[in-house]
């Protein structure tokens, strides 16, 4: 295991490590242009976008989905 992980990260509590992961993810999102998609990923996104345009009523809003998922955990 990497020495930084052993000496530093594993000393953090689980909530602190989760926060660290969130902070790292947020830092990546600051530069979305640096995230490269494979041709396969681009084709899948195009396919999903086309499916949405053909029938936009098939989906549900993110807030509804999130609420449904959170309520299923209870």
PDB file of N, CA and C in Angstrom:
ATOM      1  N   UNK A   1       0.849  -1.180   0.000  1.00  0.00           N
ATOM      2  CA  UNK A   1       0.000   0.000   0.000  1.00  0.00           C
ATOM      3  C   UNK A   1       0.888   1.235   0.000  1.00  0.00           C
ATOM      4  N   UNK A   2       0.448   2.253  -0.665  1.00  0.00           N
ATOM      5  CA  UNK A   2       1.191   3.499  -0.761  1.00  0.00           C
ATOM      6  C   UNK A   2       1.463   4.076   0.620  1.00  0.00           C
ATOM      7  N   UNK A   3       2.657   4.592   0.818  1.00  0.00           N
ATOM      8  CA  UNK A   3       3.066   5.122   2.121  1.00  0.00           C
ATOM      9  C   UNK A   3       2.199   6.301   2.579  1.00  0.00           C
ATOM     10  N   UNK A   4       1.807   7.166   1.654  1.00  0.00           N
ATOM     11  CA  UNK A   4       0.941   8.304   1.999  1.00  0.00           C
ATOM     12  C   UNK A   4      -0.386   7.798   2.554  1.00  0.00           C
ATOM     13  N   UNK A   5      -0.905   6.761   1.938  1.00  0.00           N
ATOM     14  CA  UNK A   5      -2.171   6.197   2.405  1.00  0.00           C
ATOM     15  C   UNK A   5      -1.991   5.621   3.799  1.00  0.00           C
ATOM     16  N   UNK A   6      -0.952   4.822   3.970  1.00  0.00           N
ATOM     17  CA  UNK A   6      -0.721   4.176   5.258  1.00  0.00           C
ATOM     18  C   UNK A   6      -0.472   5.182   6.376  1.00  0.00           C
ATOM     19  N   UNK A   7       0.325   6.195   6.112  1.00  0.00           N
ATOM     20  CA  UNK A   7       0.731   7.122   7.161  1.00  0.00           C
ATOM     21  C   UNK A   7      -0.258   8.256   7.400  1.00  0.00           C
ATOM     22  N   UNK A   8      -1.088   8.572   6.426  1.00  0.00           N
ATOM     23  CA  UNK A   8      -1.962   9.732   6.548  1.00  0.00           C
ATOM     24  C   UNK A   8      -3.445   9.414   6.414  1.00  0.00           C
ATOM     25  N   UNK A   9      -3.800   8.862   5.298  1.00  0.00           N
ATOM     26  CA  UNK A   9      -5.216   8.688   5.003  1.00  0.00           C
ATOM     27  C   UNK A   9      -5.882   7.704   5.960  1.00  0.00           C
ATOM     28  N   UNK A  10      -5.214   6.608   6.264  1.00  0.00           N
ATOM     29  CA  UNK A  10      -5.827   5.626   7.155  1.00  0.00           C
ATOM     30  C   UNK A  10      -5.916   6.114   8.590  1.00  0.00           C
ATOM     31  N   UNK A  11      -5.266   7.214   8.886  1.00  0.00           N
ATOM     32  CA  UNK A  11      -5.371   7.798  10.223  1.00  0.00           C
ATOM     33  C   UNK A  11      -6.648   8.627  10.366  1.00  0.00           C
ATOM     34  N   UNK A  12      -7.257   8.958   9.252  1.00  0.00           N
ATOM     35  CA  UNK A  12      -8.499   9.733   9.272  1.00  0.00           C
ATOM     36  C   UNK A  12      -9.675   8.821   9.618  1.00  0.00           C
ATOM     37  N   UNK A  13     -10.698   9.412  10.204  1.00  0.00           N
ATOM     38  CA  UNK A  13     -11.925   8.654  10.459  1.00  0.00           C
ATOM     39  C   UNK A  13     -12.620   8.391   9.120  1.00  0.00           C
ATOM     40  N   UNK A  14     -13.560   7.484   9.124  1.00  0.00           N
ATOM     41  CA  UNK A  14     -14.296   7.188   7.895  1.00  0.00           C
ATOM     42  C   UNK A  14     -15.006   8.437   7.364  1.00  0.00           C
ATOM     43  N   UNK A  15     -15.704   9.203   8.209  1.00  0.00           N
ATOM     44  CA  UNK A  15     -16.328  10.426   7.675  1.00  0.00           C
ATOM     45  C   UNK A  15     -15.308  11.402   7.083  1.00  0.00           C
ATOM     46  N   UNK A  16     -14.132  11.490   7.680  1.00  0.00           N
ATOM     47  CA  UNK A  16     -13.094  12.378   7.134  1.00  0.00           C
ATOM     48  C   UNK A  16     -12.584  11.862   5.795  1.00  0.00           C
ATOM     49  N   UNK A  17     -12.468  10.558   5.655  1.00  0.00           N
ATOM     50  CA  UNK A  17     -12.025   9.992   4.373  1.00  0.00           C
ATOM     51  C   UNK A  17     -13.080  10.197   3.297  1.00  0.00           C
ATOM     52  N   UNK A  18     -14.355  10.058   3.673  1.00  0.00           N
ATOM     53  CA  UNK A  18     -15.436  10.316   2.712  1.00  0.00           C
ATOM     54  C   UNK A  18     -15.389  11.767   2.260  1.00  0.00           C
ATOM     55  N   UNK A  19     -15.184  12.683   3.197  1.00  0.00           N
ATOM     56  CA  UNK A  19     -15.087  14.101   2.848  1.00  0.00           C
ATOM     57  C   UNK A  19     -13.904  14.351   1.927  1.00  0.00           C
ATOM     58  N   UNK A  20     -12.788  13.670   2.185  1.00  0.00           N
ATOM     59  CA  UNK A  20     -11.603  13.809   1.332  1.00  0.00           C
ATOM     60  C   UNK A  20     -11.915  13.371  -0.096  1.00  0.00           C
ATOM     61  N   UNK A  21     -12.605  12.252  -0.233  1.00  0.00           N
ATOM     62  CA  UNK A  21     -12.978  11.767  -1.570  1.00  0.00           C
ATOM     63  C   UNK A  21     -13.886  12.778  -2.262  1.00  0.00           C
ATOM     64  N   UNK A  22     -14.848  13.326  -1.524  1.00  0.00           N
ATOM     65  CA  UNK A  22     -15.736  14.333  -2.106  1.00  0.00           C
ATOM     66  C   UNK A  22     -14.954  15.566  -2.539  1.00  0.00           C
ATOM     67  N   UNK A  23     -14.001  15.979  -1.724  1.00  0.00           N
ATOM     68  CA  UNK A  23     -13.185  17.147  -2.067  1.00  0.00           C
ATOM     69  C   UNK A  23     -12.347  16.884  -3.317  1.00  0.00           C
ATOM     70  N   UNK A  24     -11.799  15.695  -3.412  1.00  0.00           N
ATOM     71  CA  UNK A  24     -11.008  15.342  -4.601  1.00  0.00           C
ATOM     72  C   UNK A  24     -11.912  15.340  -5.833  1.00  0.00           C
ATOM     73  N   UNK A  25     -13.096  14.727  -5.714  1.00  0.00           N
ATOM     74  CA  UNK A  25     -14.037  14.691  -6.838  1.00  0.00           C
ATOM     75  C   UNK A  25     -14.420  16.103  -7.271  1.00  0.00           C
ATOM     76  N   UNK A  26     -14.720  16.962  -6.293  1.00  0.00           N
ATOM     77  CA  UNK A  26     -15.076  18.348  -6.615  1.00  0.00           C
ATOM     78  C   UNK A  26     -13.932  19.056  -7.334  1.00  0.00           C
ATOM     79  N   UNK A  27     -12.694  18.756  -6.954  1.00  0.00           N
ATOM     80  CA  UNK A  27     -11.553  19.397  -7.613  1.00  0.00           C
ATOM     81  C   UNK A  27     -11.424  18.942  -9.065  1.00  0.00           C
ATOM     82  N   UNK A  28     -11.790  17.710  -9.343  1.00  0.00           N
ATOM     83  CA  UNK A  28     -11.755  17.197 -10.714  1.00  0.00           C
ATOM     84  C   UNK A  28     -12.818  17.891 -11.554  1.00  0.00           C
ATOM     85  N   UNK A  29     -13.978  18.128 -10.944  1.00  0.00           N
ATOM     86  CA  UNK A  29     -15.081  18.762 -11.677  1.00  0.00           C
ATOM     87  C   UNK A  29     -14.813  20.220 -12.008  1.00  0.00           C
ATOM     88  N   UNK A  30     -13.813  20.825 -11.377  1.00  0.00           N
ATOM     89  CA  UNK A  30     -13.466  22.208 -11.705  1.00  0.00           C
ATOM     90  C   UNK A  30     -12.930  22.328 -13.130  1.00  0.00           C
ATOM     91  N   UNK A  31     -12.418  21.226 -13.667  1.00  0.00           N
ATOM     92  CA  UNK A  31     -11.823  21.217 -15.005  1.00  0.00           C
ATOM     93  C   UNK A  31     -12.419  20.070 -15.830  1.00  0.00           C
ATOM     94  N   UNK A  32     -13.716  20.148 -16.155  1.00  0.00           N
ATOM     95  CA  UNK A  32     -14.359  19.032 -16.863  1.00  0.00           C
ATOM     96  C   UNK A  32     -13.757  18.756 -18.234  1.00  0.00           C
ATOM     97  N   UNK A  33     -13.152  19.771 -18.829  1.00  0.00           N
ATOM     98  CA  UNK A  33     -12.548  19.558 -20.147  1.00  0.00           C
ATOM     99  C   UNK A  33     -11.357  18.599 -20.086  1.00  0.00           C
ATOM    100  N   UNK A  34     -10.814  18.372 -18.896  1.00  0.00           N
ATOM    101  CA  UNK A  34      -9.669  17.473 -18.765  1.00  0.00           C
ATOM    102  C   UNK A  34     -10.093  16.009 -18.667  1.00  0.00           C
ATOM    103  N   UNK A  35     -11.403  15.774 -18.571  1.00  0.00           N
ATOM    104  CA  UNK A  35     -11.909  14.400 -18.507  1.00  0.00           C
ATOM    105  C   UNK A  35     -12.218  13.953 -19.923  1.00  0.00           C
ATOM    106  N   UNK A  36     -11.471  12.992 -20.395  1.00  0.00           N
ATOM    107  CA  UNK A  36     -11.654  12.514 -21.765  1.00  0.00           C
ATOM    108  C   UNK A  36     -12.551  11.289 -21.781  1.00  0.00           C
ATOM    109  N   UNK A  37     -13.482  11.289 -22.706  1.00  0.00           N
ATOM    110  CA  UNK A  37     -14.371  10.153 -22.880  1.00  0.00           C
ATOM    111  C   UNK A  37     -13.862   9.274 -24.005  1.00  0.00           C
ATOM    112  N   UNK A  38     -14.059   7.979 -23.851  1.00  0.00           N
ATOM    113  CA  UNK A  38     -13.707   7.057 -24.925  1.00  0.00           C
ATOM    114  C   UNK A  38     -14.749   7.176 -26.029  1.00  0.00           C
ATOM    115  N   UNK A  39     -14.433   6.666 -27.192  1.00  0.00           N
ATOM    116  CA  UNK A  39     -15.397   6.676 -28.298  1.00  0.00           C
ATOM    117  C   UNK A  39     -16.661   5.918 -27.906  1.00  0.00           C
ATOM    118  N   UNK A  40     -16.489   4.828 -27.171  1.00  0.00           N
ATOM    119  CA  UNK A  40     -17.639   4.038 -26.725  1.00  0.00           C
ATOM    120  C   UNK A  40     -18.528   4.855 -25.783  1.00  0.00           C
ATOM    121  N   UNK A  41     -17.925   5.593 -24.871  1.00  0.00           N
ATOM    122  CA  UNK A  41     -18.699   6.436 -23.955  1.00  0.00           C
ATOM    123  C   UNK A  41     -19.435   7.536 -24.718  1.00  0.00           C
ATOM    124  N   UNK A  42     -18.768   8.144 -25.688  1.00  0.00           N
ATOM    125  CA  UNK A  42     -19.407   9.188 -26.496  1.00  0.00           C
ATOM    126  C   UNK A  42     -20.599   8.634 -27.266  1.00  0.00           C
ATOM    127  N   UNK A  43     -20.435   7.434 -27.838  1.00  0.00           N
ATOM    128  CA  UNK A  43     -21.536   6.816 -28.578  1.00  0.00           C
ATOM    129  C   UNK A  43     -22.714   6.525 -27.657  1.00  0.00           C
ATOM    130  N   UNK A  44     -22.429   6.063 -26.439  1.00  0.00           N
ATOM    131  CA  UNK A  44     -23.500   5.776 -25.489  1.00  0.00           C
ATOM    132  C   UNK A  44     -24.234   7.049 -25.087  1.00  0.00           C
ATOM    133  N   UNK A  45     -23.499   8.115 -24.845  1.00  0.00           N
ATOM    134  CA  UNK A  45     -24.137   9.392 -24.520  1.00  0.00           C
ATOM    135  C   UNK A  45     -24.996   9.888 -25.677  1.00  0.00           C
ATOM    136  N   UNK A  46     -24.485   9.763 -26.900  1.00  0.00           N
ATOM    137  CA  UNK A  46     -25.271  10.153 -28.078  1.00  0.00           C
ATOM    138  C   UNK A  46     -26.539   9.312 -28.197  1.00  0.00           C
ATOM    139  N   UNK A  47     -26.413   8.007 -27.930  1.00  0.00           N
ATOM    140  CA  UNK A  47     -27.571   7.112 -28.001  1.00  0.00           C
ATOM    141  C   UNK A  47     -28.627   7.526 -26.979  1.00  0.00           C
ATOM    142  N   UNK A  48     -28.191   7.826 -25.765  1.00  0.00           N
ATOM    143  CA  UNK A  48     -29.130   8.223 -24.715  1.00  0.00           C
ATOM    144  C   UNK A  48     -29.783   9.571 -25.026  1.00  0.00           C
ATOM    145  N   UNK A  49     -29.007  10.494 -25.561  1.00  0.00           N
ATOM    146  CA  UNK A  49     -29.559  11.794 -25.916  1.00  0.00           C
ATOM    147  C   UNK A  49     -30.601  11.651 -27.026  1.00  0.00           C
ATOM    148  N   UNK A  50     -30.301  10.811 -28.016  1.00  0.00           N
ATOM    149  CA  UNK A  50     -31.250  10.573 -29.106  1.00  0.00           C
ATOM    150  C   UNK A  50     -32.528   9.931 -28.565  1.00  0.00           C
ATOM    151  N   UNK A  51     -32.386   8.964 -27.662  1.00  0.00           N
ATOM    152  CA  UNK A  51     -33.560   8.319 -27.064  1.00  0.00           C
ATOM    153  C   UNK A  51     -34.397   9.337 -26.303  1.00  0.00           C
ATOM    154  N   UNK A  52     -33.749  10.248 -25.619  1.00  0.00           N
ATOM    155  CA  UNK A  52     -34.475  11.295 -24.899  1.00  0.00           C
ATOM    156  C   UNK A  52     -35.239  12.191 -25.879  1.00  0.00           C
ATOM    157  N   UNK A  53     -34.584  12.604 -26.954  1.00  0.00           N
ATOM    158  CA  UNK A  53     -35.233  13.484 -27.923  1.00  0.00           C
ATOM    159  C   UNK A  53     -36.418  12.795 -28.605  1.00  0.00           C
ATOM    160  N   UNK A  54     -36.313  11.486 -28.800  1.00  0.00           N
ATOM    161  CA  UNK A  54     -37.419  10.747 -29.420  1.00  0.00           C
ATOM    162  C   UNK A  54     -38.617  10.624 -28.494  1.00  0.00           C
ATOM    163  N   UNK A  55     -38.366  10.562 -27.180  1.00  0.00           N
ATOM    164  CA  UNK A  55     -39.470  10.409 -26.239  1.00  0.00           C
ATOM    165  C   UNK A  55     -39.090  11.024 -24.891  1.00  0.00           C
ATOM    166  N   UNK A  56     -39.130  12.348 -24.788  1.00  0.00           N
ATOM    167  CA  UNK A  56     -38.686  13.020 -23.554  1.00  0.00           C
ATOM    168  C   UNK A  56     -39.557  12.717 -22.342  1.00  0.00           C
ATOM    169  N   UNK A  57     -40.762  12.209 -22.550  1.00  0.00           N
ATOM    170  CA  UNK A  57     -41.634  11.885 -21.429  1.00  0.00           C
ATOM    171  C   UNK A  57     -41.290  10.593 -20.711  1.00  0.00           C
ATOM    172  N   UNK A  58     -40.379   9.814 -21.260  1.00  0.00           N
ATOM    173  CA  UNK A  58     -40.023   8.534 -20.643  1.00  0.00           C
ATOM    174  C   UNK A  58     -39.208   8.693 -19.371  1.00  0.00           C
ATOM    175  N   UNK A  59     -38.494   9.780 -19.236  1.00  0.00           N
ATOM    176  CA  UNK A  59     -37.628   9.960 -18.078  1.00  0.00           C
ATOM    177  C   UNK A  59     -38.355  10.614 -16.920  1.00  0.00           C
ATOM    178  N   UNK A  60     -37.632  10.703 -15.803  1.00  0.00           N
ATOM    179  CA  UNK A  60     -38.156  11.429 -14.648  1.00  0.00           C
ATOM    180  C   UNK A  60     -37.089  12.430 -14.214  1.00  0.00           C
ATOM    181  N   UNK A  61     -37.509  13.527 -13.609  1.00  0.00           N
ATOM    182  CA  UNK A  61     -36.535  14.524 -13.167  1.00  0.00           C
ATOM    183  C   UNK A  61     -35.591  13.957 -12.099  1.00  0.00           C
ATOM    184  N   UNK A  62     -34.371  14.484 -12.072  1.00  0.00           N
ATOM    185  CA  UNK A  62     -33.360  14.038 -11.124  1.00  0.00           C
ATOM    186  C   UNK A  62     -33.872  14.133  -9.688  1.00  0.00           C
ATOM    187  N   UNK A  63     -34.523  15.227  -9.336  1.00  0.00           N
ATOM    188  CA  UNK A  63     -35.002  15.393  -7.964  1.00  0.00           C
ATOM    189  C   UNK A  63     -35.986  14.292  -7.578  1.00  0.00           C
ATOM    190  N   UNK A  64     -36.820  13.875  -8.517  1.00  0.00           N
ATOM    191  CA  UNK A  64     -37.770  12.793  -8.252  1.00  0.00           C
ATOM    192  C   UNK A  64     -37.032  11.476  -8.036  1.00  0.00           C
ATOM    193  N   UNK A  65     -36.088  11.188  -8.905  1.00  0.00           N
ATOM    194  CA  UNK A  65     -35.303   9.963  -8.771  1.00  0.00           C
ATOM    195  C   UNK A  65     -34.550   9.942  -7.452  1.00  0.00           C
ATOM    196  N   UNK A  66     -33.897  11.049  -7.141  1.00  0.00           N
ATOM    197  CA  UNK A  66     -33.127  11.134  -5.899  1.00  0.00           C
ATOM    198  C   UNK A  66     -34.032  10.924  -4.687  1.00  0.00           C
ATOM    199  N   UNK A  67     -35.179  11.560  -4.694  1.00  0.00           N
ATOM    200  CA  UNK A  67     -36.131  11.410  -3.600  1.00  0.00           C
ATOM    201  C   UNK A  67     -36.583   9.964  -3.465  1.00  0.00           C
ATOM    202  N   UNK A  68     -36.893   9.331  -4.595  1.00  0.00           N
ATOM    203  CA  UNK A  68     -37.314   7.927  -4.578  1.00  0.00           C
ATOM    204  C   UNK A  68     -36.218   7.038  -4.008  1.00  0.00           C
ATOM    205  N   UNK A  69     -34.994   7.257  -4.416  1.00  0.00           N
ATOM    206  CA  UNK A  69     -33.882   6.449  -3.925  1.00  0.00           C
ATOM    207  C   UNK A  69     -33.671   6.644  -2.431  1.00  0.00           C
ATOM    208  N   UNK A  70     -33.722   7.888  -1.979  1.00  0.00           N
ATOM    209  CA  UNK A  70     -33.515   8.167  -0.562  1.00  0.00           C
ATOM    210  C   UNK A  70     -34.641   7.597   0.291  1.00  0.00           C
ATOM    211  N   UNK A  71     -35.863   7.624  -0.217  1.00  0.00           N
ATOM    212  CA  UNK A  71     -36.995   7.082   0.538  1.00  0.00           C
ATOM    213  C   UNK A  71     -36.974   5.567   0.590  1.00  0.00           C
ATOM    214  N   UNK A  72     -36.344   4.923  -0.397  1.00  0.00           N
ATOM    215  CA  UNK A  72     -36.245   3.456  -0.401  1.00  0.00           C
ATOM    216  C   UNK A  72     -35.242   2.954   0.621  1.00  0.00           C
ATOM    217  N   UNK A  73     -34.345   3.826   1.078  1.00  0.00           N
ATOM    218  CA  UNK A  73     -33.347   3.426   2.075  1.00  0.00           C
ATOM    219  C   UNK A  73     -33.953   3.309   3.470  1.00  0.00           C
ATOM    220  N   UNK A  74     -35.136   3.851   3.656  1.00  0.00           N
ATOM    221  CA  UNK A  74     -35.734   3.884   4.995  1.00  0.00           C
ATOM    222  C   UNK A  74     -36.522   2.635   5.293  1.00  0.00           C
TER     223      UNK A  74
END
